[in-house]
N, C-alpha and C. Protein backbone atom coordinates (compact mmCIF):
# COMPACT_ATOMS: atom_id res chain seq x y z
N MET A 1 99.67 114.55 126.21
CA MET A 1 99.61 115.11 124.66
C MET A 1 98.17 115.84 124.67
N PHE A 2 98.40 116.95 124.15
CA PHE A 2 97.09 117.88 124.19
C PHE A 2 96.88 118.22 122.70
N VAL A 3 95.79 118.50 122.19
CA VAL A 3 95.41 118.93 120.77
C VAL A 3 96.19 120.21 120.43
N SER A 4 96.44 121.13 121.39
CA SER A 4 97.18 122.28 121.02
C SER A 4 98.69 121.98 120.56
N GLU A 5 99.18 120.78 120.90
CA GLU A 5 100.50 120.47 120.55
C GLU A 5 100.61 119.81 119.13
N VAL A 6 99.39 119.75 118.43
CA VAL A 6 99.30 119.23 117.04
C VAL A 6 99.29 120.16 116.02
N PRO A 7 100.46 120.49 115.39
CA PRO A 7 100.51 121.60 114.29
C PRO A 7 99.77 121.21 113.05
N SER A 8 99.24 122.10 112.34
CA SER A 8 98.53 121.75 111.27
C SER A 8 99.24 121.20 110.18
N SER A 9 100.48 121.16 110.18
CA SER A 9 101.38 120.35 109.23
C SER A 9 101.12 118.90 109.58
N GLU A 10 100.52 118.38 110.62
CA GLU A 10 100.42 116.96 110.90
C GLU A 10 98.99 116.29 110.54
N PHE A 11 98.32 117.03 109.70
CA PHE A 11 96.92 116.65 109.33
C PHE A 11 96.46 117.41 108.17
N SER A 12 95.71 116.79 107.23
CA SER A 12 95.15 117.44 106.12
C SER A 12 94.01 118.40 106.57
N PRO A 13 93.93 119.45 105.85
CA PRO A 13 92.93 120.59 106.19
C PRO A 13 91.45 119.92 106.27
N PHE A 14 91.34 118.80 105.61
CA PHE A 14 90.12 118.13 105.58
C PHE A 14 89.76 117.66 106.97
N TYR A 15 90.79 117.41 107.94
CA TYR A 15 90.31 117.10 109.31
C TYR A 15 90.48 118.11 110.33
N ALA A 16 90.59 119.31 109.88
CA ALA A 16 90.73 120.48 110.86
C ALA A 16 89.54 120.78 111.74
N ASN A 17 88.47 120.41 111.24
CA ASN A 17 87.02 120.73 111.96
C ASN A 17 87.11 119.40 113.15
N TYR A 18 87.45 118.37 112.73
CA TYR A 18 87.61 117.11 113.71
C TYR A 18 88.63 117.56 114.91
N ILE A 19 89.64 117.99 114.44
CA ILE A 19 90.77 118.36 115.45
C ILE A 19 90.24 119.50 116.42
N LYS A 20 89.53 120.50 115.80
CA LYS A 20 88.96 121.63 116.53
C LYS A 20 88.03 121.08 117.71
N LYS A 21 86.99 120.09 117.17
CA LYS A 21 86.07 119.56 118.06
C LYS A 21 86.60 118.81 119.04
N ALA A 22 87.87 118.25 118.89
CA ALA A 22 88.57 117.38 119.94
C ALA A 22 88.66 118.22 121.38
N GLY A 23 88.60 119.49 121.29
CA GLY A 23 88.61 120.21 122.67
C GLY A 23 89.93 120.44 123.14
N THR A 24 90.09 120.55 124.44
CA THR A 24 91.35 120.81 125.02
C THR A 24 91.74 119.88 126.04
N SER A 25 91.06 118.59 126.03
CA SER A 25 91.60 117.63 126.91
C SER A 25 92.70 116.78 126.35
N SER A 26 93.46 116.11 127.15
CA SER A 26 94.46 115.30 126.84
C SER A 26 93.73 114.12 125.87
N LEU A 27 94.94 113.59 125.03
CA LEU A 27 94.45 112.76 124.06
C LEU A 27 93.66 111.51 124.79
N LEU A 28 94.38 110.84 125.70
CA LEU A 28 93.79 109.76 126.36
C LEU A 28 92.62 110.01 127.17
N SER A 29 92.50 111.20 127.69
CA SER A 29 91.23 111.58 128.46
C SER A 29 90.21 111.99 127.49
N GLY A 30 90.42 112.58 126.12
CA GLY A 30 89.46 112.77 125.24
C GLY A 30 88.92 111.41 124.65
N LEU A 31 89.95 110.44 124.56
CA LEU A 31 89.16 109.11 124.06
C LEU A 31 88.38 108.39 125.00
N GLY A 32 88.80 108.50 126.26
CA GLY A 32 88.09 107.84 127.24
C GLY A 32 86.76 108.44 127.57
N GLN A 33 86.79 109.93 127.65
CA GLN A 33 85.42 110.66 128.11
C GLN A 33 84.63 110.45 126.71
N GLY A 34 85.30 110.38 125.43
CA GLY A 34 84.46 110.38 124.25
C GLY A 34 83.71 108.95 124.29
N MET A 35 84.39 107.87 124.83
CA MET A 35 83.77 106.52 124.87
C MET A 35 82.54 106.57 125.85
N GLU A 36 82.71 107.24 126.94
CA GLU A 36 81.53 107.19 127.99
C GLU A 36 80.47 108.11 127.38
N ASN A 37 80.78 109.25 126.88
CA ASN A 37 79.87 110.26 126.45
C ASN A 37 79.08 109.58 125.32
N THR A 38 79.81 109.05 124.27
CA THR A 38 79.13 108.75 123.06
C THR A 38 78.31 107.36 123.48
N ALA A 39 78.76 106.45 124.26
CA ALA A 39 77.87 105.50 124.56
C ALA A 39 76.60 105.86 125.26
N ALA A 40 76.67 106.62 126.10
CA ALA A 40 75.54 107.27 126.88
C ALA A 40 74.59 107.85 126.02
N PHE A 41 75.18 108.78 125.01
CA PHE A 41 74.26 109.41 124.01
C PHE A 41 73.49 108.26 123.14
N PHE A 42 74.20 107.42 122.65
CA PHE A 42 73.34 106.49 121.84
C PHE A 42 72.44 105.58 122.61
N ARG A 43 72.74 105.39 123.85
CA ARG A 43 71.68 104.60 124.69
C ARG A 43 70.39 105.56 125.02
N SER A 44 70.67 106.81 124.91
CA SER A 44 69.59 107.89 125.22
C SER A 44 68.57 108.04 124.14
N ILE A 45 69.00 107.43 122.96
CA ILE A 45 68.18 107.70 121.72
C ILE A 45 67.04 106.83 121.71
N PRO A 46 65.67 107.31 121.37
CA PRO A 46 64.62 106.39 121.53
C PRO A 46 64.70 105.34 120.36
N GLU A 47 64.30 104.09 120.68
CA GLU A 47 64.45 102.91 119.77
C GLU A 47 63.98 103.32 118.40
N ASN A 48 62.64 103.91 118.40
CA ASN A 48 62.12 104.24 117.12
C ASN A 48 62.84 105.22 116.14
N LYS A 49 64.03 105.92 116.82
CA LYS A 49 64.83 106.73 115.97
C LYS A 49 65.97 106.18 115.39
N LEU A 50 66.24 104.95 115.82
CA LEU A 50 67.56 104.29 115.25
C LEU A 50 67.77 104.04 114.02
N GLU A 51 66.59 103.82 113.18
CA GLU A 51 66.61 103.49 111.72
C GLU A 51 65.86 104.66 111.06
N TYR A 52 65.86 105.77 111.70
CA TYR A 52 65.27 107.01 110.96
C TYR A 52 66.36 107.74 109.91
N ARG A 53 65.83 108.06 108.87
CA ARG A 53 66.73 108.91 107.96
C ARG A 53 66.04 110.33 107.68
N TYR A 54 66.83 111.31 107.85
CA TYR A 54 66.10 112.58 107.75
C TYR A 54 65.90 112.96 106.34
N SER A 55 66.60 112.19 105.39
CA SER A 55 66.29 112.55 103.98
C SER A 55 66.73 111.12 103.25
N ASP A 56 66.14 111.08 102.06
CA ASP A 56 66.54 109.86 101.14
C ASP A 56 68.10 109.83 100.91
N GLY A 57 68.63 108.90 101.14
CA GLY A 57 70.13 108.46 100.99
C GLY A 57 71.02 108.95 102.10
N LYS A 58 70.50 109.37 103.22
CA LYS A 58 71.17 109.64 104.39
C LYS A 58 71.25 108.40 105.24
N TRP A 59 72.25 108.38 106.13
CA TRP A 59 72.42 107.20 106.98
C TRP A 59 71.48 107.41 108.16
N THR A 60 71.16 106.11 108.62
CA THR A 60 70.44 105.90 109.83
C THR A 60 71.50 106.14 111.09
N ILE A 61 70.78 106.29 112.15
CA ILE A 61 71.66 106.41 113.53
C ILE A 61 72.41 105.15 113.68
N LYS A 62 71.80 104.13 113.40
CA LYS A 62 72.51 102.72 113.55
C LYS A 62 73.75 102.69 112.56
N GLU A 63 73.46 103.26 111.37
CA GLU A 63 74.61 103.27 110.27
C GLU A 63 75.65 104.23 110.67
N ILE A 64 75.31 105.36 111.39
CA ILE A 64 76.31 106.20 111.91
C ILE A 64 77.28 105.58 112.91
N ILE A 65 76.58 104.83 113.94
CA ILE A 65 77.40 104.16 114.94
C ILE A 65 78.32 103.36 114.23
N GLN A 66 77.88 102.43 113.18
CA GLN A 66 78.71 101.58 112.40
C GLN A 66 79.91 102.30 111.72
N HIS A 67 79.41 103.38 111.12
CA HIS A 67 80.53 104.34 110.45
C HIS A 67 81.60 104.71 111.36
N LEU A 68 81.05 105.03 112.73
CA LEU A 68 82.21 105.35 113.75
C LEU A 68 83.23 104.29 113.99
N ILE A 69 82.55 103.07 114.11
CA ILE A 69 83.36 101.89 114.37
C ILE A 69 84.21 101.58 113.17
N ASP A 70 83.78 101.49 111.95
CA ASP A 70 84.56 101.31 110.81
C ASP A 70 85.81 102.31 110.61
N THR A 71 85.45 103.58 111.03
CA THR A 71 86.41 104.55 110.60
C THR A 71 87.34 104.40 111.80
N GLU A 72 87.14 104.15 112.98
CA GLU A 72 88.15 103.87 114.05
C GLU A 72 88.98 102.68 113.88
N HIS A 73 88.49 101.58 113.13
CA HIS A 73 89.32 100.52 112.85
C HIS A 73 90.28 100.92 111.86
N ILE A 74 89.96 101.46 110.87
CA ILE A 74 90.92 102.04 109.81
C ILE A 74 91.81 103.01 110.43
N PHE A 75 91.46 103.91 111.19
CA PHE A 75 92.40 105.03 111.57
C PHE A 75 93.41 104.56 112.77
N ILE A 76 92.99 103.42 113.61
CA ILE A 76 93.87 102.91 114.48
C ILE A 76 94.80 102.04 113.79
N TYR A 77 94.56 101.34 112.69
CA TYR A 77 95.50 100.59 111.78
C TYR A 77 96.50 101.60 111.15
N ARG A 78 96.01 102.83 110.79
CA ARG A 78 96.88 103.78 110.28
C ARG A 78 98.00 104.21 111.43
N ALA A 79 97.27 104.45 112.55
CA ALA A 79 98.13 104.72 113.74
C ALA A 79 99.36 103.95 114.08
N LEU A 80 98.92 102.66 114.12
CA LEU A 80 99.73 101.37 114.46
C LEU A 80 100.96 101.44 113.25
N ARG A 81 100.57 101.44 111.88
CA ARG A 81 101.54 101.51 110.98
C ARG A 81 102.54 102.70 110.91
N PHE A 82 102.00 103.83 111.14
CA PHE A 82 102.79 105.05 111.33
C PHE A 82 103.78 105.14 112.64
N ALA A 83 103.14 104.51 113.70
CA ALA A 83 103.92 104.49 114.97
C ALA A 83 105.09 103.54 114.84
N ARG A 84 104.93 102.59 113.94
CA ARG A 84 105.95 101.59 113.68
C ARG A 84 106.89 101.97 112.59
N GLN A 85 106.76 103.29 112.19
CA GLN A 85 107.54 103.69 111.03
C GLN A 85 107.40 103.18 109.69
N ASP A 86 106.17 102.61 109.39
CA ASP A 86 105.99 102.05 108.13
C ASP A 86 105.66 103.08 107.19
N LYS A 87 106.52 103.39 106.29
CA LYS A 87 106.52 104.61 105.30
C LYS A 87 105.68 104.26 104.15
N THR A 88 104.97 103.13 104.06
CA THR A 88 104.05 102.68 102.90
C THR A 88 102.86 103.67 102.73
N PRO A 89 102.67 104.41 101.65
CA PRO A 89 101.26 105.18 101.73
C PRO A 89 100.15 104.41 101.84
N LEU A 90 99.18 104.78 102.48
CA LEU A 90 97.87 104.01 102.76
C LEU A 90 96.88 104.78 101.95
N PRO A 91 96.03 103.86 101.21
CA PRO A 91 94.90 104.51 100.40
C PRO A 91 93.87 105.03 101.40
N GLY A 92 92.88 105.79 100.81
CA GLY A 92 91.83 106.28 101.59
C GLY A 92 90.66 105.04 101.44
N PHE A 93 89.51 105.22 101.87
CA PHE A 93 88.36 104.47 102.02
C PHE A 93 87.15 105.03 101.62
N GLU A 94 86.10 104.39 100.97
CA GLU A 94 84.89 105.02 100.50
C GLU A 94 83.86 104.80 101.60
N GLN A 95 83.68 105.72 102.54
CA GLN A 95 82.78 105.52 103.67
C GLN A 95 81.40 105.03 103.35
N ASP A 96 80.94 105.67 102.25
CA ASP A 96 79.38 105.25 101.81
C ASP A 96 79.40 103.83 101.33
N ASP A 97 80.47 103.26 100.70
CA ASP A 97 80.44 101.86 100.40
C ASP A 97 80.43 101.12 101.71
N TYR A 98 81.13 101.53 102.60
CA TYR A 98 81.18 100.77 103.82
C TYR A 98 79.90 100.78 104.46
N VAL A 99 79.21 101.83 104.77
CA VAL A 99 77.90 101.89 105.27
C VAL A 99 76.77 101.01 104.48
N LEU A 100 77.06 101.07 103.17
CA LEU A 100 75.99 100.14 102.38
C LEU A 100 76.14 98.93 102.60
N SER A 101 77.53 98.23 102.79
CA SER A 101 77.78 96.86 102.91
C SER A 101 77.71 96.40 104.70
N SER A 102 77.44 97.35 105.49
CA SER A 102 77.56 97.08 106.76
C SER A 102 76.37 96.33 107.43
N VAL A 103 75.06 96.27 106.68
CA VAL A 103 74.07 95.90 107.39
C VAL A 103 73.85 96.33 108.85
N ALA A 104 74.07 97.42 109.11
CA ALA A 104 74.00 97.98 110.58
C ALA A 104 72.61 97.95 111.03
N ASN A 105 71.70 98.15 110.15
CA ASN A 105 70.15 98.19 110.74
C ASN A 105 69.82 96.86 110.98
N ARG A 106 70.38 95.79 110.85
CA ARG A 106 70.03 94.52 111.28
C ARG A 106 70.57 94.21 112.65
N ARG A 107 71.45 94.99 113.30
CA ARG A 107 72.09 94.84 114.54
C ARG A 107 71.28 95.61 115.54
N THR A 108 71.36 95.11 116.71
CA THR A 108 70.79 95.80 117.82
C THR A 108 71.64 96.96 118.25
N ARG A 109 71.15 97.87 119.01
CA ARG A 109 71.75 99.06 119.57
C ARG A 109 72.78 98.52 120.46
N ASP A 110 72.51 97.44 121.31
CA ASP A 110 73.52 96.88 122.22
C ASP A 110 74.60 96.39 121.54
N GLN A 111 74.45 95.62 120.56
CA GLN A 111 75.66 94.93 119.73
C GLN A 111 76.45 96.14 119.14
N LEU A 112 75.96 97.25 118.64
CA LEU A 112 76.66 98.24 118.13
C LEU A 112 77.50 98.96 119.08
N ILE A 113 76.73 99.46 120.25
CA ILE A 113 77.48 99.98 121.42
C ILE A 113 78.57 99.23 122.05
N ASN A 114 78.30 97.80 122.25
CA ASN A 114 79.49 96.85 122.75
C ASN A 114 80.49 96.97 121.89
N ASP A 115 80.38 96.73 120.58
CA ASP A 115 81.43 96.89 119.55
C ASP A 115 82.21 98.13 119.50
N TYR A 116 81.49 99.24 119.72
CA TYR A 116 82.00 100.57 119.74
C TYR A 116 83.00 100.59 121.03
N MET A 117 82.32 100.13 122.14
CA MET A 117 83.14 100.22 123.56
C MET A 117 84.26 99.39 123.53
N ASP A 118 84.22 98.04 123.16
CA ASP A 118 85.28 97.14 122.89
C ASP A 118 86.41 97.82 122.09
N LEU A 119 86.12 98.46 120.82
CA LEU A 119 87.10 98.97 119.94
C LEU A 119 87.74 100.14 120.76
N ARG A 120 87.04 100.97 121.25
CA ARG A 120 87.45 102.23 121.94
C ARG A 120 88.43 101.78 123.11
N GLU A 121 88.12 100.80 123.86
CA GLU A 121 89.06 100.30 124.83
C GLU A 121 90.46 99.87 124.30
N SER A 122 90.26 99.27 123.18
CA SER A 122 91.40 98.82 122.51
C SER A 122 92.22 99.85 121.82
N THR A 123 91.52 100.99 121.48
CA THR A 123 92.23 102.10 120.92
C THR A 123 92.99 102.88 121.98
N ILE A 124 92.27 103.01 123.16
CA ILE A 124 92.97 103.55 124.24
C ILE A 124 94.23 102.78 124.60
N ALA A 125 94.09 101.51 124.70
CA ALA A 125 95.28 100.74 125.06
C ALA A 125 96.38 101.02 124.15
N LEU A 126 96.15 100.92 122.75
CA LEU A 126 97.20 101.23 121.89
C LEU A 126 97.66 102.52 121.89
N PHE A 127 96.86 103.59 122.00
CA PHE A 127 97.66 104.99 122.24
C PHE A 127 98.38 105.04 123.50
N SER A 128 97.93 104.32 124.52
CA SER A 128 98.74 104.40 125.87
C SER A 128 100.14 103.75 125.61
N SER A 129 100.18 102.84 124.72
CA SER A 129 101.45 102.07 124.60
C SER A 129 102.51 102.87 123.77
N PHE A 130 101.99 103.89 122.98
CA PHE A 130 102.88 104.77 122.13
C PHE A 130 103.72 105.69 123.00
N SER A 131 104.91 105.75 122.75
CA SER A 131 105.99 106.80 123.24
C SER A 131 105.58 108.13 122.58
N LYS A 132 106.14 109.17 123.19
CA LYS A 132 106.09 110.49 122.64
C LYS A 132 106.68 110.54 121.07
N LYS A 133 107.76 109.80 120.98
CA LYS A 133 108.28 109.78 119.56
C LYS A 133 107.30 109.07 118.65
N MET A 134 106.79 107.94 119.15
CA MET A 134 105.75 107.23 118.22
C MET A 134 104.57 108.19 117.87
N LEU A 135 104.06 108.96 118.90
CA LEU A 135 102.89 109.85 118.65
C LEU A 135 103.22 110.82 117.63
N GLU A 136 104.59 111.31 117.57
CA GLU A 136 104.87 112.26 116.45
C GLU A 136 105.24 111.75 115.15
N GLN A 137 105.23 110.42 115.08
CA GLN A 137 105.62 110.01 113.65
C GLN A 137 104.43 110.42 112.60
N ILE A 138 104.96 110.52 111.41
CA ILE A 138 104.20 110.86 110.20
C ILE A 138 104.00 109.79 109.38
N GLY A 139 102.93 109.68 108.78
CA GLY A 139 102.77 108.74 107.76
C GLY A 139 101.84 109.29 106.66
N GLU A 140 101.55 108.58 105.65
CA GLU A 140 100.61 109.17 104.50
C GLU A 140 99.44 108.34 104.37
N ALA A 141 98.36 108.87 104.44
CA ALA A 141 97.16 108.22 103.95
C ALA A 141 96.13 109.16 103.28
N SER A 142 95.61 108.42 102.39
CA SER A 142 94.54 109.23 101.60
C SER A 142 95.33 110.44 100.87
N GLY A 143 96.54 110.06 100.55
CA GLY A 143 97.32 111.22 99.84
C GLY A 143 97.96 112.45 100.64
N ALA A 144 97.73 112.27 101.85
CA ALA A 144 98.24 113.32 102.81
C ALA A 144 98.88 112.87 103.94
N ASP A 145 100.00 113.82 104.48
CA ASP A 145 100.55 113.42 105.75
C ASP A 145 99.76 113.52 106.99
N MET A 146 99.99 112.57 107.77
CA MET A 146 99.12 112.68 109.12
C MET A 146 100.03 111.99 110.27
N SER A 147 100.01 112.74 111.32
CA SER A 147 100.77 112.08 112.58
C SER A 147 99.81 111.09 113.35
N VAL A 148 100.62 110.22 114.13
CA VAL A 148 99.74 109.23 115.02
C VAL A 148 98.81 110.18 116.01
N ARG A 149 99.45 111.05 116.53
CA ARG A 149 98.75 111.88 117.63
C ARG A 149 97.45 112.66 116.97
N ALA A 150 97.68 113.20 115.70
CA ALA A 150 96.54 113.83 115.00
C ALA A 150 95.41 112.60 114.82
N ILE A 151 95.79 111.34 114.51
CA ILE A 151 94.73 110.48 114.35
C ILE A 151 94.02 110.26 115.71
N GLY A 152 94.67 110.28 116.81
CA GLY A 152 93.88 110.13 117.94
C GLY A 152 92.92 111.26 118.10
N PHE A 153 93.22 112.51 117.93
CA PHE A 153 92.39 113.78 118.18
C PHE A 153 91.38 113.64 117.04
N ILE A 154 91.70 113.20 115.92
CA ILE A 154 90.65 113.23 114.77
C ILE A 154 89.43 112.19 115.15
N LEU A 155 89.84 111.01 115.71
CA LEU A 155 88.97 110.11 116.28
C LEU A 155 87.94 110.72 117.33
N VAL A 156 88.58 111.47 118.25
CA VAL A 156 87.84 112.35 119.35
C VAL A 156 86.72 113.17 118.72
N GLY A 157 87.27 114.02 117.73
CA GLY A 157 86.48 115.04 117.12
C GLY A 157 85.40 114.35 116.05
N HIS A 158 85.88 113.45 115.52
CA HIS A 158 84.79 112.82 114.54
C HIS A 158 83.60 112.17 115.30
N GLU A 159 83.65 111.66 116.39
CA GLU A 159 82.43 111.17 117.00
C GLU A 159 81.66 112.31 117.39
N LYS A 160 82.29 113.55 117.90
CA LYS A 160 81.56 114.71 118.42
C LYS A 160 80.78 115.39 117.16
N HIS A 161 81.54 115.26 115.99
CA HIS A 161 80.81 115.74 114.79
C HIS A 161 79.70 115.12 114.33
N HIS A 162 79.73 113.77 114.54
CA HIS A 162 78.35 113.00 114.21
C HIS A 162 77.34 113.13 115.31
N ILE A 163 77.78 113.34 116.47
CA ILE A 163 76.83 113.40 117.60
C ILE A 163 75.92 114.81 117.46
N ASP A 164 76.75 115.79 116.83
CA ASP A 164 76.19 117.06 116.63
C ASP A 164 75.27 116.97 115.44
N ILE A 165 75.51 116.20 114.41
CA ILE A 165 74.61 116.15 113.37
C ILE A 165 73.38 115.31 113.71
N ILE A 166 73.46 114.38 114.48
CA ILE A 166 72.36 113.68 114.92
C ILE A 166 71.39 114.55 115.75
N LYS A 167 71.99 115.40 116.64
CA LYS A 167 71.19 116.24 117.59
C LYS A 167 70.42 117.31 116.57
N GLU A 168 71.06 117.72 115.58
CA GLU A 168 70.52 118.83 114.72
C GLU A 168 69.52 118.22 113.77
N ARG A 169 69.84 117.03 113.22
CA ARG A 169 69.01 116.51 112.04
C ARG A 169 68.12 115.25 112.44
N TYR A 170 68.37 114.55 113.34
CA TYR A 170 67.58 113.34 113.61
C TYR A 170 66.66 113.54 114.77
N LEU A 171 67.07 114.26 115.90
CA LEU A 171 66.28 114.12 117.05
C LEU A 171 65.28 115.38 117.33
């Protein structure tokens, strides 16, 4: 399954940038390469930068890592529900509230990266278990339709988006 196979009708325009950033690799390859590249990137950041904020009210790098983890938890839950043909509309979530409640800055880099990698391995296993039909299932989240396969590519692009922001504004 490649990102080029995901029509724009399978995701909200809000997610178009993430889909674009997913690149041209297959879904499973993108998730796997993303895990390795993202973990290596976060390991390369100097310790003294992990709790840096480039402006008042902006997240620290540790909080961004936790945001990636929280978002992936929510999105794989959505993917499972949609793949199993659950038609119950799912609500959105307020990412800023999640970050404020996360206490990410009390955690070590290794704890955050290990959580991220464990979750990503689980995400890869889940997406590997889906049939082509399951990947094409559509559900509703945050008031918009979304396919299971779009969710996977959104996850790939979402972490690339945040890495780009860190490179531009934090380092």
